[in-house]
Structures are given as C-alpha cells and as structure tokens.
Full PDB file with SEQRES, HELIX, SHEET, SSBOND, CRYST1, ORIGX, SCALE, CONECT and MASTER records, all heavy atoms in Angstrom:
SEQRES   1 A   29  GLY SER SER GLN LEU VAL PHE VAL ASP LEU MET GLN THR          
SEQRES   2 A   29  LEU ALA SER PRO LEU GLN ALA THR LEU GLY SER ASN ILE          
SEQRES   3 A   29  VAL ASN ALA                                                  
HELIX    1 AA1 SER A    2  THR A   13  1                                  12    
HELIX    2 AA2 PRO A   17  ASN A   28  1                                  12    
CRYST1    1.000    1.000    1.000  90.00  90.00  90.00 P 1           1          
ORIGX1      1.000000  0.000000  0.000000        0.00000                         
ORIGX2      0.000000  1.000000  0.000000        0.00000                         
ORIGX3      0.000000  0.000000  1.000000        0.00000                         
SCALE1      1.000000  0.000000  0.000000        0.00000                         
SCALE2      0.000000  1.000000  0.000000        0.00000                         
SCALE3      0.000000  0.000000  1.000000        0.00000                         
ATOM      1  N   GLY A   1       0.802  -1.217   0.000  1.00  0.00           N  
ATOM      2  CA  GLY A   1       0.000   0.000   0.000  1.00  0.00           C  
ATOM      3  C   GLY A   1       0.836   1.268   0.000  1.00  0.00           C  
ATOM      4  O   GLY A   1       0.511   2.243  -0.672  1.00  0.00           O  
ATOM      5  N   SER A   2       1.940   1.253   0.736  1.00  0.00           N  
ATOM      6  CA  SER A   2       2.784   2.445   0.750  1.00  0.00           C  
ATOM      7  C   SER A   2       3.420   2.675  -0.617  1.00  0.00           C  
ATOM      8  O   SER A   2       3.641   3.818  -1.022  1.00  0.00           O  
ATOM      9  CB  SER A   2       3.857   2.331   1.829  1.00  0.00           C  
ATOM     10  OG  SER A   2       4.652   1.179   1.615  1.00  0.00           O  
ATOM     11  N   SER A   3       3.703   1.614  -1.335  1.00  0.00           N  
ATOM     12  CA  SER A   3       4.259   1.757  -2.682  1.00  0.00           C  
ATOM     13  C   SER A   3       3.256   2.400  -3.630  1.00  0.00           C  
ATOM     14  O   SER A   3       3.636   3.161  -4.518  1.00  0.00           O  
ATOM     15  CB  SER A   3       4.671   0.395  -3.241  1.00  0.00           C  
ATOM     16  OG  SER A   3       5.764  -0.110  -2.538  1.00  0.00           O  
ATOM     17  N   GLN A   4       1.994   2.102  -3.447  1.00  0.00           N  
ATOM     18  CA  GLN A   4       0.962   2.730  -4.270  1.00  0.00           C  
ATOM     19  C   GLN A   4       0.938   4.240  -4.040  1.00  0.00           C  
ATOM     20  O   GLN A   4       0.877   5.020  -4.987  1.00  0.00           O  
ATOM     21  CB  GLN A   4      -0.410   2.148  -3.953  1.00  0.00           C  
ATOM     22  CG  GLN A   4      -0.593   0.732  -4.394  1.00  0.00           C  
ATOM     23  CD  GLN A   4      -1.918   0.160  -3.942  1.00  0.00           C  
ATOM     24  OE1 GLN A   4      -2.510   0.623  -2.972  1.00  0.00           O  
ATOM     25  NE2 GLN A   4      -2.382  -0.846  -4.640  1.00  0.00           N  
ATOM     26  N   LEU A   5       0.999   4.636  -2.784  1.00  0.00           N  
ATOM     27  CA  LEU A   5       0.977   6.059  -2.463  1.00  0.00           C  
ATOM     28  C   LEU A   5       2.225   6.769  -2.979  1.00  0.00           C  
ATOM     29  O   LEU A   5       2.143   7.878  -3.512  1.00  0.00           O  
ATOM     30  CB  LEU A   5       0.837   6.259  -0.953  1.00  0.00           C  
ATOM     31  CG  LEU A   5      -0.476   5.768  -0.339  1.00  0.00           C  
ATOM     32  CD1 LEU A   5      -0.440   5.932   1.175  1.00  0.00           C  
ATOM     33  CD2 LEU A   5      -1.653   6.488  -0.922  1.00  0.00           C  
ATOM     34  N   VAL A   6       3.377   6.115  -2.851  1.00  0.00           N  
ATOM     35  CA  VAL A   6       4.616   6.708  -3.350  1.00  0.00           C  
ATOM     36  C   VAL A   6       4.565   6.830  -4.865  1.00  0.00           C  
ATOM     37  O   VAL A   6       4.969   7.842  -5.435  1.00  0.00           O  
ATOM     38  CB  VAL A   6       5.837   5.869  -2.897  1.00  0.00           C  
ATOM     39  CG1 VAL A   6       7.092   6.257  -3.643  1.00  0.00           C  
ATOM     40  CG2 VAL A   6       6.035   6.002  -1.407  1.00  0.00           C  
ATOM     41  N   PHE A   7       4.051   5.805  -5.541  1.00  0.00           N  
ATOM     42  CA  PHE A   7       3.962   5.848  -7.005  1.00  0.00           C  
ATOM     43  C   PHE A   7       3.084   7.001  -7.466  1.00  0.00           C  
ATOM     44  O   PHE A   7       3.458   7.762  -8.364  1.00  0.00           O  
ATOM     45  CB  PHE A   7       3.417   4.522  -7.537  1.00  0.00           C  
ATOM     46  CG  PHE A   7       3.351   4.465  -9.036  1.00  0.00           C  
ATOM     47  CD1 PHE A   7       4.479   4.154  -9.775  1.00  0.00           C  
ATOM     48  CD2 PHE A   7       2.168   4.729  -9.706  1.00  0.00           C  
ATOM     49  CE1 PHE A   7       4.428   4.109 -11.153  1.00  0.00           C  
ATOM     50  CE2 PHE A   7       2.109   4.690 -11.082  1.00  0.00           C  
ATOM     51  CZ  PHE A   7       3.243   4.380 -11.811  1.00  0.00           C  
ATOM     52  N   VAL A   8       1.938   7.162  -6.837  1.00  0.00           N  
ATOM     53  CA  VAL A   8       1.027   8.247  -7.221  1.00  0.00           C  
ATOM     54  C   VAL A   8       1.679   9.605  -6.957  1.00  0.00           C  
ATOM     55  O   VAL A   8       1.619  10.506  -7.800  1.00  0.00           O  
ATOM     56  CB  VAL A   8      -0.318   8.123  -6.468  1.00  0.00           C  
ATOM     57  CG1 VAL A   8      -1.158   9.362  -6.644  1.00  0.00           C  
ATOM     58  CG2 VAL A   8      -1.075   6.899  -6.953  1.00  0.00           C  
ATOM     59  N   ASP A   9       2.327   9.743  -5.812  1.00  0.00           N  
ATOM     60  CA  ASP A   9       2.975  11.019  -5.490  1.00  0.00           C  
ATOM     61  C   ASP A   9       4.114  11.327  -6.456  1.00  0.00           C  
ATOM     62  O   ASP A   9       4.250  12.455  -6.929  1.00  0.00           O  
ATOM     63  CB  ASP A   9       3.492  10.987  -4.053  1.00  0.00           C  
ATOM     64  CG  ASP A   9       4.057  12.321  -3.620  1.00  0.00           C  
ATOM     65  OD1 ASP A   9       3.392  13.347  -3.880  1.00  0.00           O  
ATOM     66  OD2 ASP A   9       5.153  12.330  -3.040  1.00  0.00           O  
ATOM     67  N   LEU A  10       4.936  10.332  -6.765  1.00  0.00           N  
ATOM     68  CA  LEU A  10       6.049  10.559  -7.686  1.00  0.00           C  
ATOM     69  C   LEU A  10       5.558  10.826  -9.110  1.00  0.00           C  
ATOM     70  O   LEU A  10       6.163  11.610  -9.840  1.00  0.00           O  
ATOM     71  CB  LEU A  10       7.013   9.380  -7.662  1.00  0.00           C  
ATOM     72  CG  LEU A  10       7.849   9.231  -6.395  1.00  0.00           C  
ATOM     73  CD1 LEU A  10       8.720   7.988  -6.459  1.00  0.00           C  
ATOM     74  CD2 LEU A  10       8.690  10.465  -6.161  1.00  0.00           C  
ATOM     75  N   MET A  11       4.494  10.196  -9.521  1.00  0.00           N  
ATOM     76  CA  MET A  11       3.946  10.467 -10.854  1.00  0.00           C  
ATOM     77  C   MET A  11       3.420  11.898 -10.927  1.00  0.00           C  
ATOM     78  O   MET A  11       3.490  12.538 -11.964  1.00  0.00           O  
ATOM     79  CB  MET A  11       2.832   9.485 -11.212  1.00  0.00           C  
ATOM     80  CG  MET A  11       3.330   8.140 -11.675  1.00  0.00           C  
ATOM     81  SD  MET A  11       4.317   8.211 -13.177  1.00  0.00           S  
ATOM     82  CE  MET A  11       3.097   8.715 -14.365  1.00  0.00           C  
ATOM     83  N   GLN A  12       2.918  12.396  -9.817  1.00  0.00           N  
ATOM     84  CA  GLN A  12       2.401  13.764  -9.788  1.00  0.00           C  
ATOM     85  C   GLN A  12       3.544  14.771  -9.856  1.00  0.00           C  
ATOM     86  O   GLN A  12       3.454  15.773 -10.553  1.00  0.00           O  
ATOM     87  CB  GLN A  12       1.581  13.995  -8.525  1.00  0.00           C  
ATOM     88  CG  GLN A  12       1.016  15.388  -8.412  1.00  0.00           C  
ATOM     89  CD  GLN A  12       0.295  15.610  -7.095  1.00  0.00           C  
ATOM     90  OE1 GLN A  12       0.406  14.822  -6.173  1.00  0.00           O  
ATOM     91  NE2 GLN A  12      -0.452  16.681  -7.013  1.00  0.00           N  
ATOM     92  N   THR A  13       4.642  14.486  -9.163  1.00  0.00           N  
ATOM     93  CA  THR A  13       5.721  15.466  -9.097  1.00  0.00           C  
ATOM     94  C   THR A  13       6.769  15.284 -10.192  1.00  0.00           C  
ATOM     95  O   THR A  13       7.278  16.266 -10.722  1.00  0.00           O  
ATOM     96  CB  THR A  13       6.425  15.402  -7.724  1.00  0.00           C  
ATOM     97  OG1 THR A  13       6.901  14.069  -7.510  1.00  0.00           O  
ATOM     98  CG2 THR A  13       5.477  15.799  -6.625  1.00  0.00           C  
ATOM     99  N   LEU A  14       7.093  14.039 -10.551  1.00  0.00           N  
ATOM    100  CA  LEU A  14       8.164  13.788 -11.511  1.00  0.00           C  
ATOM    101  C   LEU A  14       7.666  13.606 -12.943  1.00  0.00           C  
ATOM    102  O   LEU A  14       8.386  13.888 -13.882  1.00  0.00           O  
ATOM    103  CB  LEU A  14       8.967  12.543 -11.112  1.00  0.00           C  
ATOM    104  CG  LEU A  14       9.679  12.604  -9.765  1.00  0.00           C  
ATOM    105  CD1 LEU A  14      10.301  11.260  -9.446  1.00  0.00           C  
ATOM    106  CD2 LEU A  14      10.739  13.682  -9.785  1.00  0.00           C  
ATOM    107  N   ALA A  15       6.482  13.070 -13.101  1.00  0.00           N  
ATOM    108  CA  ALA A  15       5.885  12.792 -14.407  1.00  0.00           C  
ATOM    109  C   ALA A  15       6.723  11.818 -15.225  1.00  0.00           C  
ATOM    110  O   ALA A  15       6.704  11.854 -16.441  1.00  0.00           O  
ATOM    111  CB  ALA A  15       5.623  14.074 -15.184  1.00  0.00           C  
ATOM    112  N   SER A  16       7.483  10.945 -14.571  1.00  0.00           N  
ATOM    113  CA  SER A  16       8.256   9.927 -15.262  1.00  0.00           C  
ATOM    114  C   SER A  16       7.874   8.558 -14.704  1.00  0.00           C  
ATOM    115  O   SER A  16       8.164   8.268 -13.533  1.00  0.00           O  
ATOM    116  CB  SER A  16       9.752  10.160 -15.057  1.00  0.00           C  
ATOM    117  OG  SER A  16      10.486   9.053 -15.516  1.00  0.00           O  
ATOM    118  N   PRO A  17       7.229   7.717 -15.490  1.00  0.00           N  
ATOM    119  CA  PRO A  17       6.837   6.396 -14.986  1.00  0.00           C  
ATOM    120  C   PRO A  17       8.017   5.548 -14.511  1.00  0.00           C  
ATOM    121  O   PRO A  17       7.892   4.811 -13.541  1.00  0.00           O  
ATOM    122  CB  PRO A  17       6.146   5.746 -16.175  1.00  0.00           C  
ATOM    123  CG  PRO A  17       5.731   6.870 -17.051  1.00  0.00           C  
ATOM    124  CD  PRO A  17       6.740   7.944 -16.842  1.00  0.00           C  
ATOM    125  N   LEU A  18       9.153   5.674 -15.181  1.00  0.00           N  
ATOM    126  CA  LEU A  18      10.315   4.888 -14.773  1.00  0.00           C  
ATOM    127  C   LEU A  18      10.810   5.320 -13.391  1.00  0.00           C  
ATOM    128  O   LEU A  18      11.065   4.477 -12.524  1.00  0.00           O  
ATOM    129  CB  LEU A  18      11.449   5.039 -15.792  1.00  0.00           C  
ATOM    130  CG  LEU A  18      12.734   4.291 -15.460  1.00  0.00           C  
ATOM    131  CD1 LEU A  18      12.467   2.793 -15.387  1.00  0.00           C  
ATOM    132  CD2 LEU A  18      13.799   4.603 -16.475  1.00  0.00           C  
ATOM    133  N   GLN A  19      10.921   6.614 -13.157  1.00  0.00           N  
ATOM    134  CA  GLN A  19      11.357   7.101 -11.849  1.00  0.00           C  
ATOM    135  C   GLN A  19      10.348   6.758 -10.757  1.00  0.00           C  
ATOM    136  O   GLN A  19      10.728   6.403  -9.639  1.00  0.00           O  
ATOM    137  CB  GLN A  19      11.582   8.603 -11.883  1.00  0.00           C  
ATOM    138  CG  GLN A  19      12.793   9.021 -12.679  1.00  0.00           C  
ATOM    139  CD  GLN A  19      12.913  10.527 -12.777  1.00  0.00           C  
ATOM    140  OE1 GLN A  19      11.911  11.238 -12.759  1.00  0.00           O  
ATOM    141  NE2 GLN A  19      14.141  11.019 -12.882  1.00  0.00           N  
ATOM    142  N   ALA A  20       9.072   6.864 -11.082  1.00  0.00           N  
ATOM    143  CA  ALA A  20       8.041   6.525 -10.100  1.00  0.00           C  
ATOM    144  C   ALA A  20       8.072   5.035  -9.767  1.00  0.00           C  
ATOM    145  O   ALA A  20       7.915   4.646  -8.604  1.00  0.00           O  
ATOM    146  CB  ALA A  20       6.669   6.925 -10.627  1.00  0.00           C  
ATOM    147  N   THR A  21       8.296   4.200 -10.768  1.00  0.00           N  
ATOM    148  CA  THR A  21       8.381   2.762 -10.532  1.00  0.00           C  
ATOM    149  C   THR A  21       9.599   2.429  -9.682  1.00  0.00           C  
ATOM    150  O   THR A  21       9.505   1.633  -8.744  1.00  0.00           O  
ATOM    151  CB  THR A  21       8.444   2.001 -11.871  1.00  0.00           C  
ATOM    152  OG1 THR A  21       7.287   2.323 -12.635  1.00  0.00           O  
ATOM    153  CG2 THR A  21       8.492   0.510 -11.656  1.00  0.00           C  
ATOM    154  N   LEU A  22      10.740   3.023 -10.012  1.00  0.00           N  
ATOM    155  CA  LEU A  22      11.943   2.772  -9.213  1.00  0.00           C  
ATOM    156  C   LEU A  22      11.770   3.264  -7.779  1.00  0.00           C  
ATOM    157  O   LEU A  22      12.168   2.578  -6.835  1.00  0.00           O  
ATOM    158  CB  LEU A  22      13.149   3.448  -9.868  1.00  0.00           C  
ATOM    159  CG  LEU A  22      13.644   2.831 -11.167  1.00  0.00           C  
ATOM    160  CD1 LEU A  22      14.743   3.694 -11.778  1.00  0.00           C  
ATOM    161  CD2 LEU A  22      14.120   1.416 -10.947  1.00  0.00           C  
ATOM    162  N   GLY A  23      11.187   4.426  -7.616  1.00  0.00           N  
ATOM    163  CA  GLY A  23      10.972   4.956  -6.272  1.00  0.00           C  
ATOM    164  C   GLY A  23      10.042   4.098  -5.436  1.00  0.00           C  
ATOM    165  O   GLY A  23      10.293   3.859  -4.256  1.00  0.00           O  
ATOM    166  N   SER A  24       8.973   3.611  -6.047  1.00  0.00           N  
ATOM    167  CA  SER A  24       8.056   2.761  -5.289  1.00  0.00           C  
ATOM    168  C   SER A  24       8.666   1.394  -4.994  1.00  0.00           C  
ATOM    169  O   SER A  24       8.364   0.793  -3.973  1.00  0.00           O  
ATOM    170  CB  SER A  24       6.728   2.615  -6.027  1.00  0.00           C  
ATOM    171  OG  SER A  24       6.918   1.961  -7.259  1.00  0.00           O  
ATOM    172  N   ASN A  25       9.557   0.919  -5.853  1.00  0.00           N  
ATOM    173  CA  ASN A  25      10.249  -0.349  -5.570  1.00  0.00           C  
ATOM    174  C   ASN A  25      11.268  -0.198  -4.445  1.00  0.00           C  
ATOM    175  O   ASN A  25      11.496  -1.121  -3.694  1.00  0.00           O  
ATOM    176  CB  ASN A  25      10.934  -0.888  -6.828  1.00  0.00           C  
ATOM    177  CG  ASN A  25       9.942  -1.532  -7.767  1.00  0.00           C  
ATOM    178  OD1 ASN A  25       8.938  -2.063  -7.339  1.00  0.00           O  
ATOM    179  ND2 ASN A  25      10.240  -1.471  -9.047  1.00  0.00           N  
ATOM    180  N   ILE A  26      11.868   0.979  -4.349  1.00  0.00           N  
ATOM    181  CA  ILE A  26      12.798   1.218  -3.242  1.00  0.00           C  
ATOM    182  C   ILE A  26      12.053   1.177  -1.910  1.00  0.00           C  
ATOM    183  O   ILE A  26      12.560   0.665  -0.911  1.00  0.00           O  
ATOM    184  CB  ILE A  26      13.540   2.564  -3.446  1.00  0.00           C  
ATOM    185  CG1 ILE A  26      14.528   2.415  -4.585  1.00  0.00           C  
ATOM    186  CG2 ILE A  26      14.219   3.011  -2.161  1.00  0.00           C  
ATOM    187  CD1 ILE A  26      15.166   3.699  -5.013  1.00  0.00           C  
ATOM    188  N   VAL A  27      10.841   1.687  -1.893  1.00  0.00           N  
ATOM    189  CA  VAL A  27      10.031   1.632  -0.663  1.00  0.00           C  
ATOM    190  C   VAL A  27       9.755   0.175  -0.288  1.00  0.00           C  
ATOM    191  O   VAL A  27       9.797  -0.191   0.886  1.00  0.00           O  
ATOM    192  CB  VAL A  27       8.711   2.407  -0.846  1.00  0.00           C  
ATOM    193  CG1 VAL A  27       7.758   2.142   0.288  1.00  0.00           C  
ATOM    194  CG2 VAL A  27       8.983   3.879  -0.982  1.00  0.00           C  
ATOM    195  N   ASN A  28       9.524  -0.675  -1.249  1.00  0.00           N  
ATOM    196  CA  ASN A  28       9.253  -2.089  -0.984  1.00  0.00           C  
ATOM    197  C   ASN A  28      10.512  -2.879  -0.667  1.00  0.00           C  
ATOM    198  O   ASN A  28      10.419  -4.003  -0.187  1.00  0.00           O  
ATOM    199  CB  ASN A  28       8.542  -2.744  -2.164  1.00  0.00           C  
ATOM    200  CG  ASN A  28       7.051  -2.801  -1.939  1.00  0.00           C  
ATOM    201  OD1 ASN A  28       6.564  -2.618  -0.846  1.00  0.00           O  
ATOM    202  ND2 ASN A  28       6.334  -3.058  -3.001  1.00  0.00           N  
ATOM    203  N   ALA A  29      11.685  -2.331  -0.928  1.00  0.00           N  
ATOM    204  CA  ALA A  29      12.925  -3.047  -0.690  1.00  0.00           C  
ATOM    205  C   ALA A  29      13.255  -3.169   0.804  1.00  0.00           C  
ATOM    206  O   ALA A  29      14.152  -3.910   1.171  1.00  0.00           O  
ATOM    207  CB  ALA A  29      14.086  -2.364  -1.404  1.00  0.00           C  
TER     208      ALA A  29                                                      
MASTER        0    0    0    2    0    0    0    6  207    1    0    3          
END                                                                             
C-alpha cells in the first residue's frame, strides 16, 4: 500500500513512470 501512495505522489511530481516505478520499488525493498 505504501508503494501505491509513493507511485502516485512521484507520478504527480516527476511525471516519469520509470522514476516513479523505481521509487516505489525502493520503498518495498
């Protein structure tokens, strides 16, 4: 669930799906 929130937030601020995916995976790591 926290990865979902991070992904949505990063997509809003960065607008890069790759960066948002990497950021949300780091949260799950």
